Amino acid sequence: PELPSGLEHHFFLSHYQATAGDQVDGLHHELKDRGFSPWYDNRMQNLTKQGMADGVRSSAVFVLFLSKDVLQRPFVRFERFFSLASLAPLTMIEASADVETTRAGDVRAAWWCAA
């Protein structure tokens, strides 16, 4: 899928590693397999606050993966702050105990709505 001009990623995947790491990793792989370019911290070289802010700014849609304690995490809050400042569309995905029910189709639908 084509990216809007000036952007590098379709999605910025914001999550709490301890409660959603496996699910977001699977989502990242499924999105890549479908031709999307997600920003995912476990695959980025620059994991500084500046790197995260740049990732948010260079993404078309901010995806907040809702799992236990995610909104208490300082980096997730930092990322969300920058998504508000950049006016990126927000999509939230609720974590499921069953990894298979959290699908890239949920995020893909968000892409079509934001495009």
N, C-alpha and C. Protein backbone atom coordinates (compact mmCIF):
# COMPACT_ATOMS: atom_id res chain seq x y z
N PRO A 1 0.82 -1.20 0.00
CA PRO A 1 0.00 0.00 0.00
C PRO A 1 0.86 1.27 0.00
N GLU A 2 0.43 2.23 -0.74
CA GLU A 2 1.18 3.47 -0.89
C GLU A 2 1.11 4.31 0.38
N LEU A 3 2.24 4.90 0.72
CA LEU A 3 2.31 5.78 1.89
C LEU A 3 2.03 7.23 1.47
N PRO A 4 1.41 8.00 2.37
CA PRO A 4 1.26 9.43 2.09
C PRO A 4 2.64 10.07 1.93
N SER A 5 2.71 11.12 1.17
CA SER A 5 3.97 11.81 0.91
C SER A 5 4.65 12.23 2.21
N GLY A 6 5.95 11.98 2.28
CA GLY A 6 6.75 12.40 3.42
C GLY A 6 6.77 11.44 4.60
N LEU A 7 6.02 10.35 4.52
CA LEU A 7 5.99 9.39 5.63
C LEU A 7 6.78 8.14 5.27
N GLU A 8 7.31 7.47 6.30
CA GLU A 8 8.12 6.27 6.10
C GLU A 8 7.41 4.99 6.51
N HIS A 9 6.41 5.12 7.38
CA HIS A 9 5.75 3.94 7.93
C HIS A 9 4.24 4.08 7.85
N HIS A 10 3.58 2.97 7.65
CA HIS A 10 2.12 2.97 7.67
C HIS A 10 1.60 3.09 9.10
N PHE A 11 2.26 2.35 10.03
CA PHE A 11 1.80 2.28 11.41
C PHE A 11 2.95 2.44 12.38
N PHE A 12 2.67 3.09 13.50
CA PHE A 12 3.57 3.11 14.66
C PHE A 12 2.92 2.21 15.70
N LEU A 13 3.59 1.12 16.07
CA LEU A 13 3.03 0.15 17.01
C LEU A 13 3.50 0.45 18.42
N SER A 14 2.61 1.03 19.22
CA SER A 14 2.92 1.38 20.61
C SER A 14 2.35 0.29 21.52
N HIS A 15 3.17 -0.20 22.43
CA HIS A 15 2.75 -1.32 23.28
C HIS A 15 3.62 -1.40 24.53
N TYR A 16 3.19 -2.24 25.46
CA TYR A 16 3.97 -2.56 26.66
C TYR A 16 4.53 -3.96 26.45
N GLN A 17 5.84 -4.04 26.36
CA GLN A 17 6.51 -5.30 26.02
C GLN A 17 6.13 -6.44 26.95
N ALA A 18 6.04 -6.18 28.25
CA ALA A 18 5.81 -7.25 29.22
C ALA A 18 4.42 -7.89 29.08
N THR A 19 3.42 -7.13 28.62
CA THR A 19 2.07 -7.68 28.55
C THR A 19 1.55 -7.88 27.13
N ALA A 20 2.31 -7.44 26.13
CA ALA A 20 1.83 -7.59 24.75
C ALA A 20 2.94 -7.82 23.73
N GLY A 21 4.13 -8.08 24.20
CA GLY A 21 5.26 -8.23 23.29
C GLY A 21 5.07 -9.28 22.22
N ASP A 22 4.61 -10.46 22.61
CA ASP A 22 4.42 -11.55 21.64
C ASP A 22 3.35 -11.20 20.62
N GLN A 23 2.25 -10.62 21.08
CA GLN A 23 1.16 -10.28 20.17
C GLN A 23 1.58 -9.20 19.17
N VAL A 24 2.29 -8.19 19.65
CA VAL A 24 2.70 -7.10 18.75
C VAL A 24 3.78 -7.59 17.80
N ASP A 25 4.64 -8.48 18.25
CA ASP A 25 5.63 -9.06 17.34
C ASP A 25 4.93 -9.81 16.22
N GLY A 26 3.93 -10.61 16.54
CA GLY A 26 3.17 -11.32 15.52
C GLY A 26 2.43 -10.37 14.59
N LEU A 27 1.86 -9.32 15.15
CA LEU A 27 1.18 -8.31 14.34
C LEU A 27 2.15 -7.63 13.38
N HIS A 28 3.34 -7.30 13.88
CA HIS A 28 4.38 -6.69 13.05
C HIS A 28 4.70 -7.58 11.85
N HIS A 29 4.89 -8.87 12.09
CA HIS A 29 5.22 -9.79 11.00
C HIS A 29 4.06 -9.92 10.01
N GLU A 30 2.85 -10.00 10.52
CA GLU A 30 1.70 -10.12 9.63
C GLU A 30 1.52 -8.87 8.77
N LEU A 31 1.72 -7.70 9.36
CA LEU A 31 1.63 -6.45 8.59
C LEU A 31 2.68 -6.40 7.50
N LYS A 32 3.91 -6.77 7.84
CA LYS A 32 4.98 -6.79 6.84
C LYS A 32 4.66 -7.76 5.71
N ASP A 33 4.12 -8.92 6.06
CA ASP A 33 3.74 -9.91 5.05
C ASP A 33 2.67 -9.38 4.10
N ARG A 34 1.86 -8.43 4.57
CA ARG A 34 0.80 -7.84 3.75
C ARG A 34 1.26 -6.57 3.02
N GLY A 35 2.55 -6.27 3.12
CA GLY A 35 3.10 -5.15 2.37
C GLY A 35 3.13 -3.82 3.09
N PHE A 36 2.79 -3.81 4.37
CA PHE A 36 2.83 -2.58 5.16
C PHE A 36 4.21 -2.39 5.77
N SER A 37 4.51 -1.15 6.13
CA SER A 37 5.77 -0.82 6.80
C SER A 37 5.46 -0.31 8.21
N PRO A 38 5.46 -1.20 9.21
CA PRO A 38 5.20 -0.75 10.57
C PRO A 38 6.47 -0.29 11.28
N TRP A 39 6.34 0.73 12.13
CA TRP A 39 7.44 1.11 13.03
C TRP A 39 7.24 0.29 14.29
N TYR A 40 8.22 -0.52 14.61
CA TYR A 40 8.14 -1.44 15.75
C TYR A 40 9.46 -1.38 16.48
N ASP A 41 9.44 -1.01 17.75
CA ASP A 41 10.67 -0.73 18.49
C ASP A 41 11.67 -1.89 18.49
N ASN A 42 11.20 -3.11 18.50
CA ASN A 42 12.12 -4.25 18.53
C ASN A 42 12.87 -4.44 17.21
N ARG A 43 12.52 -3.67 16.19
CA ARG A 43 13.18 -3.77 14.89
C ARG A 43 13.89 -2.47 14.51
N MET A 44 13.94 -1.51 15.42
CA MET A 44 14.54 -0.21 15.12
C MET A 44 15.92 -0.09 15.76
N GLN A 45 16.79 0.65 15.12
CA GLN A 45 18.13 0.84 15.64
C GLN A 45 18.20 2.00 16.63
N ASN A 46 17.41 3.05 16.41
CA ASN A 46 17.45 4.23 17.26
C ASN A 46 16.30 4.17 18.26
N LEU A 47 16.57 3.63 19.46
CA LEU A 47 15.53 3.49 20.47
C LEU A 47 15.60 4.58 21.54
N THR A 48 16.11 5.73 21.17
CA THR A 48 16.11 6.86 22.08
C THR A 48 14.72 7.51 22.04
N LYS A 49 14.49 8.45 22.96
CA LYS A 49 13.22 9.19 22.91
C LYS A 49 13.08 9.93 21.58
N GLN A 50 14.18 10.48 21.09
CA GLN A 50 14.14 11.17 19.80
C GLN A 50 13.78 10.20 18.68
N GLY A 51 14.34 8.99 18.73
CA GLY A 51 14.02 7.98 17.73
C GLY A 51 12.54 7.61 17.75
N MET A 52 11.97 7.50 18.96
CA MET A 52 10.54 7.19 19.07
C MET A 52 9.70 8.34 18.54
N ALA A 53 10.06 9.57 18.90
CA ALA A 53 9.32 10.74 18.42
C ALA A 53 9.38 10.81 16.89
N ASP A 54 10.55 10.57 16.33
CA ASP A 54 10.68 10.57 14.87
C ASP A 54 9.83 9.46 14.24
N GLY A 55 9.77 8.30 14.90
CA GLY A 55 8.95 7.20 14.41
C GLY A 55 7.48 7.56 14.39
N VAL A 56 7.01 8.23 15.42
CA VAL A 56 5.61 8.66 15.46
C VAL A 56 5.34 9.66 14.34
N ARG A 57 6.22 10.64 14.20
CA ARG A 57 6.05 11.68 13.17
C ARG A 57 6.09 11.12 11.76
N SER A 58 6.81 10.03 11.57
CA SER A 58 6.97 9.47 10.22
C SER A 58 5.98 8.35 9.92
N SER A 59 4.97 8.19 10.79
CA SER A 59 3.96 7.13 10.61
C SER A 59 2.60 7.73 10.31
N ALA A 60 1.85 7.04 9.44
CA ALA A 60 0.53 7.52 9.05
C ALA A 60 -0.52 7.30 10.13
N VAL A 61 -0.42 6.20 10.87
CA VAL A 61 -1.40 5.86 11.89
C VAL A 61 -0.68 5.41 13.16
N PHE A 62 -1.12 5.92 14.30
CA PHE A 62 -0.59 5.52 15.60
C PHE A 62 -1.48 4.41 16.14
N VAL A 63 -0.89 3.23 16.37
CA VAL A 63 -1.64 2.09 16.89
C VAL A 63 -1.24 1.88 18.35
N LEU A 64 -2.20 2.01 19.24
CA LEU A 64 -1.98 1.76 20.66
C LEU A 64 -2.54 0.39 20.98
N PHE A 65 -1.65 -0.52 21.33
CA PHE A 65 -2.04 -1.89 21.65
C PHE A 65 -2.39 -1.94 23.13
N LEU A 66 -3.67 -2.08 23.43
CA LEU A 66 -4.16 -2.03 24.81
C LEU A 66 -3.97 -3.37 25.51
N SER A 67 -3.14 -3.35 26.53
CA SER A 67 -2.92 -4.54 27.35
C SER A 67 -2.76 -4.06 28.80
N LYS A 68 -2.66 -4.98 29.70
CA LYS A 68 -2.56 -4.64 31.13
C LYS A 68 -1.42 -3.65 31.39
N ASP A 69 -1.75 -2.57 32.06
CA ASP A 69 -0.80 -1.54 32.51
C ASP A 69 -0.15 -0.72 31.40
N VAL A 70 -0.61 -0.84 30.16
CA VAL A 70 0.04 -0.13 29.06
C VAL A 70 0.03 1.38 29.26
N LEU A 71 -1.06 1.92 29.79
CA LEU A 71 -1.15 3.38 29.93
C LEU A 71 -0.36 3.92 31.11
N GLN A 72 0.23 3.02 31.88
CA GLN A 72 1.09 3.44 32.99
C GLN A 72 2.56 3.52 32.58
N ARG A 73 2.87 3.05 31.40
CA ARG A 73 4.26 2.97 30.96
C ARG A 73 4.75 4.32 30.44
N PRO A 74 5.89 4.79 30.95
CA PRO A 74 6.38 6.12 30.56
C PRO A 74 6.64 6.28 29.05
N PHE A 75 7.19 5.26 28.41
CA PHE A 75 7.48 5.41 26.98
C PHE A 75 6.21 5.38 26.14
N VAL A 76 5.24 4.58 26.55
CA VAL A 76 3.95 4.57 25.84
C VAL A 76 3.30 5.95 25.98
N ARG A 77 3.35 6.53 27.16
CA ARG A 77 2.78 7.86 27.36
C ARG A 77 3.52 8.90 26.53
N PHE A 78 4.83 8.77 26.45
CA PHE A 78 5.65 9.67 25.64
C PHE A 78 5.26 9.56 24.16
N GLU A 79 5.14 8.33 23.67
CA GLU A 79 4.75 8.11 22.28
C GLU A 79 3.38 8.69 21.99
N ARG A 80 2.45 8.47 22.91
CA ARG A 80 1.09 8.99 22.73
C ARG A 80 1.08 10.51 22.69
N PHE A 81 1.89 11.14 23.53
CA PHE A 81 2.01 12.60 23.52
C PHE A 81 2.41 13.09 22.13
N PHE A 82 3.40 12.45 21.55
CA PHE A 82 3.85 12.87 20.22
C PHE A 82 2.82 12.55 19.14
N SER A 83 2.05 11.51 19.32
CA SER A 83 1.00 11.23 18.33
C SER A 83 -0.06 12.32 18.35
N LEU A 84 -0.38 12.83 19.54
CA LEU A 84 -1.34 13.94 19.64
C LEU A 84 -0.78 15.20 18.99
N ALA A 85 0.50 15.45 19.22
CA ALA A 85 1.14 16.65 18.66
C ALA A 85 1.23 16.58 17.14
N SER A 86 1.41 15.38 16.60
CA SER A 86 1.53 15.24 15.15
C SER A 86 0.18 15.04 14.46
N LEU A 87 -0.88 14.95 15.25
CA LEU A 87 -2.24 14.77 14.73
C LEU A 87 -2.42 13.48 13.94
N ALA A 88 -1.62 12.47 14.25
CA ALA A 88 -1.76 11.17 13.57
C ALA A 88 -3.06 10.51 13.99
N PRO A 89 -3.78 9.87 13.07
CA PRO A 89 -4.97 9.12 13.46
C PRO A 89 -4.60 8.03 14.46
N LEU A 90 -5.49 7.77 15.40
CA LEU A 90 -5.26 6.79 16.45
C LEU A 90 -6.14 5.58 16.24
N THR A 91 -5.55 4.41 16.36
CA THR A 91 -6.29 3.16 16.37
C THR A 91 -5.89 2.42 17.63
N MET A 92 -6.86 1.84 18.31
CA MET A 92 -6.55 1.04 19.50
C MET A 92 -6.98 -0.40 19.25
N ILE A 93 -6.13 -1.32 19.65
CA ILE A 93 -6.43 -2.74 19.54
C ILE A 93 -6.35 -3.31 20.95
N GLU A 94 -7.40 -3.98 21.37
CA GLU A 94 -7.42 -4.58 22.69
C GLU A 94 -6.74 -5.93 22.64
N ALA A 95 -5.83 -6.14 23.58
CA ALA A 95 -5.12 -7.42 23.66
C ALA A 95 -6.10 -8.53 24.03
N SER A 96 -5.85 -9.69 23.48
CA SER A 96 -6.65 -10.86 23.77
C SER A 96 -5.74 -11.92 24.37
N ALA A 97 -6.29 -12.75 25.22
CA ALA A 97 -5.49 -13.84 25.77
C ALA A 97 -5.08 -14.80 24.66
N ASP A 98 -5.85 -14.83 23.60
CA ASP A 98 -5.58 -15.69 22.46
C ASP A 98 -4.90 -14.86 21.37
N VAL A 99 -3.62 -15.08 21.16
CA VAL A 99 -2.85 -14.30 20.20
C VAL A 99 -3.49 -14.34 18.81
N GLU A 100 -4.09 -15.44 18.44
CA GLU A 100 -4.66 -15.58 17.10
C GLU A 100 -5.84 -14.65 16.85
N THR A 101 -6.49 -14.16 17.92
CA THR A 101 -7.64 -13.28 17.70
C THR A 101 -7.22 -11.84 17.48
N THR A 102 -6.00 -11.51 17.74
CA THR A 102 -5.49 -10.17 17.47
C THR A 102 -4.85 -10.20 16.09
N ARG A 103 -5.56 -9.67 15.12
CA ARG A 103 -5.17 -9.85 13.74
C ARG A 103 -4.77 -8.55 13.07
N ALA A 104 -3.96 -8.64 12.07
CA ALA A 104 -3.56 -7.47 11.29
C ALA A 104 -4.74 -6.87 10.55
N GLY A 105 -5.78 -7.63 10.31
CA GLY A 105 -6.96 -7.09 9.64
C GLY A 105 -7.55 -5.92 10.40
N ASP A 106 -7.47 -5.93 11.74
CA ASP A 106 -7.95 -4.81 12.54
C ASP A 106 -7.18 -3.54 12.21
N VAL A 107 -5.87 -3.68 12.08
CA VAL A 107 -5.03 -2.53 11.77
C VAL A 107 -5.19 -2.14 10.30
N ARG A 108 -5.34 -3.12 9.44
CA ARG A 108 -5.51 -2.82 8.02
C ARG A 108 -6.78 -2.00 7.80
N ALA A 109 -7.84 -2.31 8.53
CA ALA A 109 -9.07 -1.52 8.43
C ALA A 109 -8.80 -0.08 8.83
N ALA A 110 -7.97 0.12 9.84
CA ALA A 110 -7.62 1.47 10.27
C ALA A 110 -6.86 2.21 9.17
N TRP A 111 -6.01 1.48 8.45
CA TRP A 111 -5.26 2.11 7.37
C TRP A 111 -6.20 2.63 6.30
N TRP A 112 -7.19 1.83 5.91
CA TRP A 112 -8.10 2.26 4.87
C TRP A 112 -8.95 3.45 5.32
N CYS A 113 -9.28 3.51 6.60
CA CYS A 113 -10.07 4.64 7.11
C CYS A 113 -9.22 5.91 7.16
N ALA A 114 -7.93 5.77 7.43
CA ALA A 114 -7.06 6.95 7.55
C ALA A 114 -6.57 7.45 6.21
N ALA A 115 -6.52 6.58 5.22
CA ALA A 115 -5.96 6.96 3.92
C ALA A 115 -6.88 7.90 3.16
